[in-house]
Amino acid sequence: MNLANKLTILRIILVPVFLFILAIKVKYGTLIATVVFIIAALTDTLDGYIARSRNQVTKFGKFMDPLADKLIVTAALISLVEMKKLPTWVVMIIIAREFAITGLRAVAASEGIVIAASKWGKAKTVLQIIAIVAALIELPYNNVLIFIAVIITIISGIDYIYKNRKCLNPKE
């Protein structure tokens, strides 16, 4: 178990911590939960850097890192809907894209193809994190950031599907 994988596990552990802090509704709870979310988001960047720079990329990391990302982002998005800070349709678009690309990656993996993260995918993640933080702490114009994140999420999904469309063609 290397450091990068430990950071991925930490990110997964931070999901219920984030949710618990939001649920107990204490003074400054949303701010504290936002800090937990930011820490989780930073571990994503850090674990990837550590794994690549130390040549410690593992099968566990390849599988669990994207799952950990989806868990923390999905938890935050659903919480924002519950808090009435985000419309449901926004969350549905983002989650639908995640399911679609995860499915595409699974099909590709069954054919021995690894679909690496693209520039659009990385931009999507960064923008979603920024938009979630902005919505959690109710920054001015957070709706604009959310709209931009949704647009980039859609573009990213289309990009992945288009570039990997050969994986979706049934073998003859």
Protein backbone atom coordinates (compact mmCIF):
# COMPACT_ATOMS: atom_id res chain seq x y z
CA MET A 1 0.00 0.00 0.00
CA ASN A 2 1.87 3.06 -1.23
CA LEU A 3 1.30 6.71 -0.28
CA ALA A 4 -0.81 7.48 -3.37
CA ASN A 5 -3.19 4.62 -2.56
CA LYS A 6 -3.38 5.73 1.08
CA LEU A 7 -4.42 9.20 -0.11
CA THR A 8 -7.12 7.63 -2.28
CA ILE A 9 -8.41 5.71 0.76
CA LEU A 10 -8.32 8.93 2.79
CA ARG A 11 -10.48 10.61 0.13
CA ILE A 12 -13.02 7.79 0.42
CA ILE A 13 -13.01 8.09 4.22
CA LEU A 14 -13.59 11.85 3.91
CA VAL A 15 -16.89 11.28 2.07
CA PRO A 16 -18.89 10.23 5.17
CA VAL A 17 -17.01 12.83 7.25
CA PHE A 18 -18.12 15.53 4.78
CA LEU A 19 -21.71 14.25 4.81
CA PHE A 20 -21.82 13.95 8.60
CA ILE A 21 -20.62 17.51 9.12
CA LEU A 22 -23.27 18.81 6.72
CA ALA A 23 -25.98 16.70 8.38
CA ILE A 24 -25.40 17.74 11.98
CA LYS A 25 -26.08 21.39 11.16
CA VAL A 26 -23.66 22.99 13.60
CA LYS A 27 -22.47 26.56 13.48
CA TYR A 28 -19.99 26.90 10.60
CA GLY A 29 -20.80 23.30 9.62
CA THR A 30 -21.06 24.10 5.92
CA LEU A 31 -17.75 25.95 6.02
CA ILE A 32 -16.06 23.04 7.85
CA ALA A 33 -17.59 20.56 5.39
CA THR A 34 -16.32 22.72 2.53
CA VAL A 35 -12.80 22.54 3.97
CA VAL A 36 -13.12 18.74 4.18
CA PHE A 37 -14.29 18.70 0.55
CA ILE A 38 -11.33 20.85 -0.53
CA ILE A 39 -8.91 18.56 1.34
CA ALA A 40 -10.46 15.57 -0.43
CA ALA A 41 -10.15 17.33 -3.78
CA LEU A 42 -6.51 18.17 -3.12
CA THR A 43 -5.72 14.55 -2.28
CA ASP A 44 -6.88 13.68 -5.81
CA THR A 45 -4.25 15.93 -7.34
CA LEU A 46 -1.61 14.85 -4.85
CA ASP A 47 -2.14 11.10 -5.16
CA GLY A 48 -1.93 11.26 -8.94
CA TYR A 49 1.25 13.30 -8.82
CA ILE A 50 2.86 10.98 -6.26
CA ALA A 51 1.91 7.82 -8.16
CA ARG A 52 3.29 9.11 -11.46
CA SER A 53 6.42 10.83 -10.09
CA ARG A 54 7.43 7.78 -8.04
CA ASN A 55 6.40 5.31 -10.72
CA GLN A 56 3.92 3.77 -8.27
CA VAL A 57 0.83 3.54 -10.45
CA THR A 58 -1.11 0.46 -9.31
CA LYS A 59 -4.19 -1.44 -10.46
CA PHE A 60 -5.79 -0.48 -7.14
CA GLY A 61 -5.12 3.19 -7.84
CA LYS A 62 -6.36 3.01 -11.42
CA PHE A 63 -9.65 1.58 -10.18
CA MET A 64 -10.14 3.32 -6.84
CA ASP A 65 -8.91 6.84 -7.68
CA PRO A 66 -11.69 7.63 -10.17
CA LEU A 67 -14.21 5.91 -7.88
CA ALA A 68 -13.09 8.06 -4.93
CA ASP A 69 -13.47 11.18 -7.09
CA LYS A 70 -16.97 10.21 -8.12
CA LEU A 71 -17.95 9.46 -4.51
CA ILE A 72 -16.91 12.83 -3.11
CA VAL A 73 -18.30 14.83 -6.05
CA THR A 74 -21.59 12.91 -6.07
CA ALA A 75 -21.96 13.25 -2.30
CA ALA A 76 -21.44 17.00 -2.58
CA LEU A 77 -23.82 17.39 -5.52
CA ILE A 78 -26.63 15.42 -3.87
CA SER A 79 -26.08 17.37 -0.64
CA LEU A 80 -26.36 20.64 -2.57
CA VAL A 81 -29.71 19.52 -3.99
CA GLU A 82 -30.89 18.60 -0.48
CA MET A 83 -29.73 22.03 0.74
CA LYS A 84 -31.65 23.64 -2.15
CA LYS A 85 -28.44 25.21 -3.46
CA LEU A 86 -28.42 23.32 -6.73
CA PRO A 87 -31.14 22.24 -9.16
CA THR A 88 -31.66 18.50 -9.57
CA TRP A 89 -31.20 18.63 -13.36
CA VAL A 90 -27.62 19.82 -12.91
CA VAL A 91 -26.80 16.82 -10.74
CA MET A 92 -28.54 14.44 -13.14
CA ILE A 93 -26.48 15.69 -16.10
CA ILE A 94 -23.23 15.35 -14.19
CA ILE A 95 -24.03 11.92 -12.76
CA ALA A 96 -25.34 10.67 -16.13
CA ARG A 97 -22.05 11.69 -17.75
CA GLU A 98 -20.11 9.87 -15.01
CA PHE A 99 -22.12 6.67 -15.49
CA ALA A 100 -21.76 6.87 -19.27
CA ILE A 101 -17.99 7.35 -19.21
CA THR A 102 -17.51 4.74 -16.48
CA GLY A 103 -19.49 2.32 -18.65
CA LEU A 104 -17.40 3.25 -21.69
CA ARG A 105 -14.22 2.64 -19.70
CA ALA A 106 -15.53 -0.73 -18.53
CA VAL A 107 -16.33 -1.80 -22.09
CA ALA A 108 -12.91 -0.60 -23.25
CA ALA A 109 -11.19 -2.42 -20.38
CA SER A 110 -12.93 -5.65 -21.37
CA GLU A 111 -11.22 -5.23 -24.75
CA GLY A 112 -7.85 -4.49 -23.09
CA ILE A 113 -8.05 -0.77 -23.81
CA VAL A 114 -7.31 1.80 -21.13
CA ILE A 115 -9.01 5.16 -21.59
CA ALA A 116 -6.80 7.76 -19.98
CA ALA A 117 -8.10 11.02 -18.57
CA SER A 118 -8.31 13.71 -21.24
CA LYS A 119 -7.72 17.46 -20.98
CA TRP A 120 -11.52 17.91 -21.08
CA GLY A 121 -11.97 15.35 -18.32
CA LYS A 122 -9.42 17.08 -16.13
CA ALA A 123 -10.98 20.49 -16.85
CA LYS A 124 -14.38 19.04 -15.98
CA THR A 125 -13.14 17.81 -12.62
CA VAL A 126 -11.50 21.13 -11.72
CA LEU A 127 -14.56 23.14 -12.74
CA GLN A 128 -16.92 20.83 -10.87
CA ILE A 129 -14.84 21.18 -7.71
CA ILE A 130 -14.71 24.97 -8.02
CA ALA A 131 -18.46 25.13 -8.69
CA ILE A 132 -19.24 22.84 -5.74
CA VAL A 133 -17.13 24.94 -3.37
CA ALA A 134 -18.76 28.12 -4.70
CA ALA A 135 -22.24 26.65 -4.20
CA LEU A 136 -21.45 25.30 -0.72
CA ILE A 137 -20.27 28.66 0.58
CA GLU A 138 -22.69 30.62 -1.63
CA LEU A 139 -20.14 32.73 -3.46
CA PRO A 140 -21.56 35.44 -5.71
CA TYR A 141 -22.20 34.19 -9.23
CA ASN A 142 -21.87 30.54 -8.18
CA ASN A 143 -24.66 29.76 -10.64
CA VAL A 144 -22.41 30.94 -13.48
CA LEU A 145 -19.67 28.59 -12.31
CA ILE A 146 -22.17 25.75 -12.09
CA PHE A 147 -23.40 26.47 -15.62
CA ILE A 148 -19.83 26.47 -16.95
CA ALA A 149 -19.09 23.21 -15.12
CA VAL A 150 -22.19 21.60 -16.66
CA ILE A 151 -21.21 22.73 -20.17
CA ILE A 152 -17.65 21.41 -19.77
CA THR A 153 -19.05 18.18 -18.29
CA ILE A 154 -21.19 17.69 -21.41
CA ILE A 155 -18.31 18.55 -23.76
CA SER A 156 -16.02 16.17 -21.88
CA GLY A 157 -18.54 13.34 -22.16
CA ILE A 158 -19.01 13.91 -25.89
CA ASP A 159 -15.22 14.07 -26.35
CA TYR A 160 -14.67 10.74 -24.54
CA ILE A 161 -17.44 9.01 -26.47
CA TYR A 162 -16.34 10.39 -29.84
CA LYS A 163 -12.65 9.57 -29.35
CA ASN A 164 -13.45 6.06 -28.08
CA ARG A 165 -16.44 5.25 -30.27
CA LYS A 166 -14.63 2.19 -31.67
CA CYS A 167 -15.07 0.59 -28.23
CA LEU A 168 -18.84 0.83 -28.63
CA ASN A 169 -18.98 -1.06 -31.95
CA PRO A 170 -19.86 -4.71 -31.45
CA LYS A 171 -17.33 -7.20 -32.76
CA GLU A 172 -18.33 -9.07 -35.84
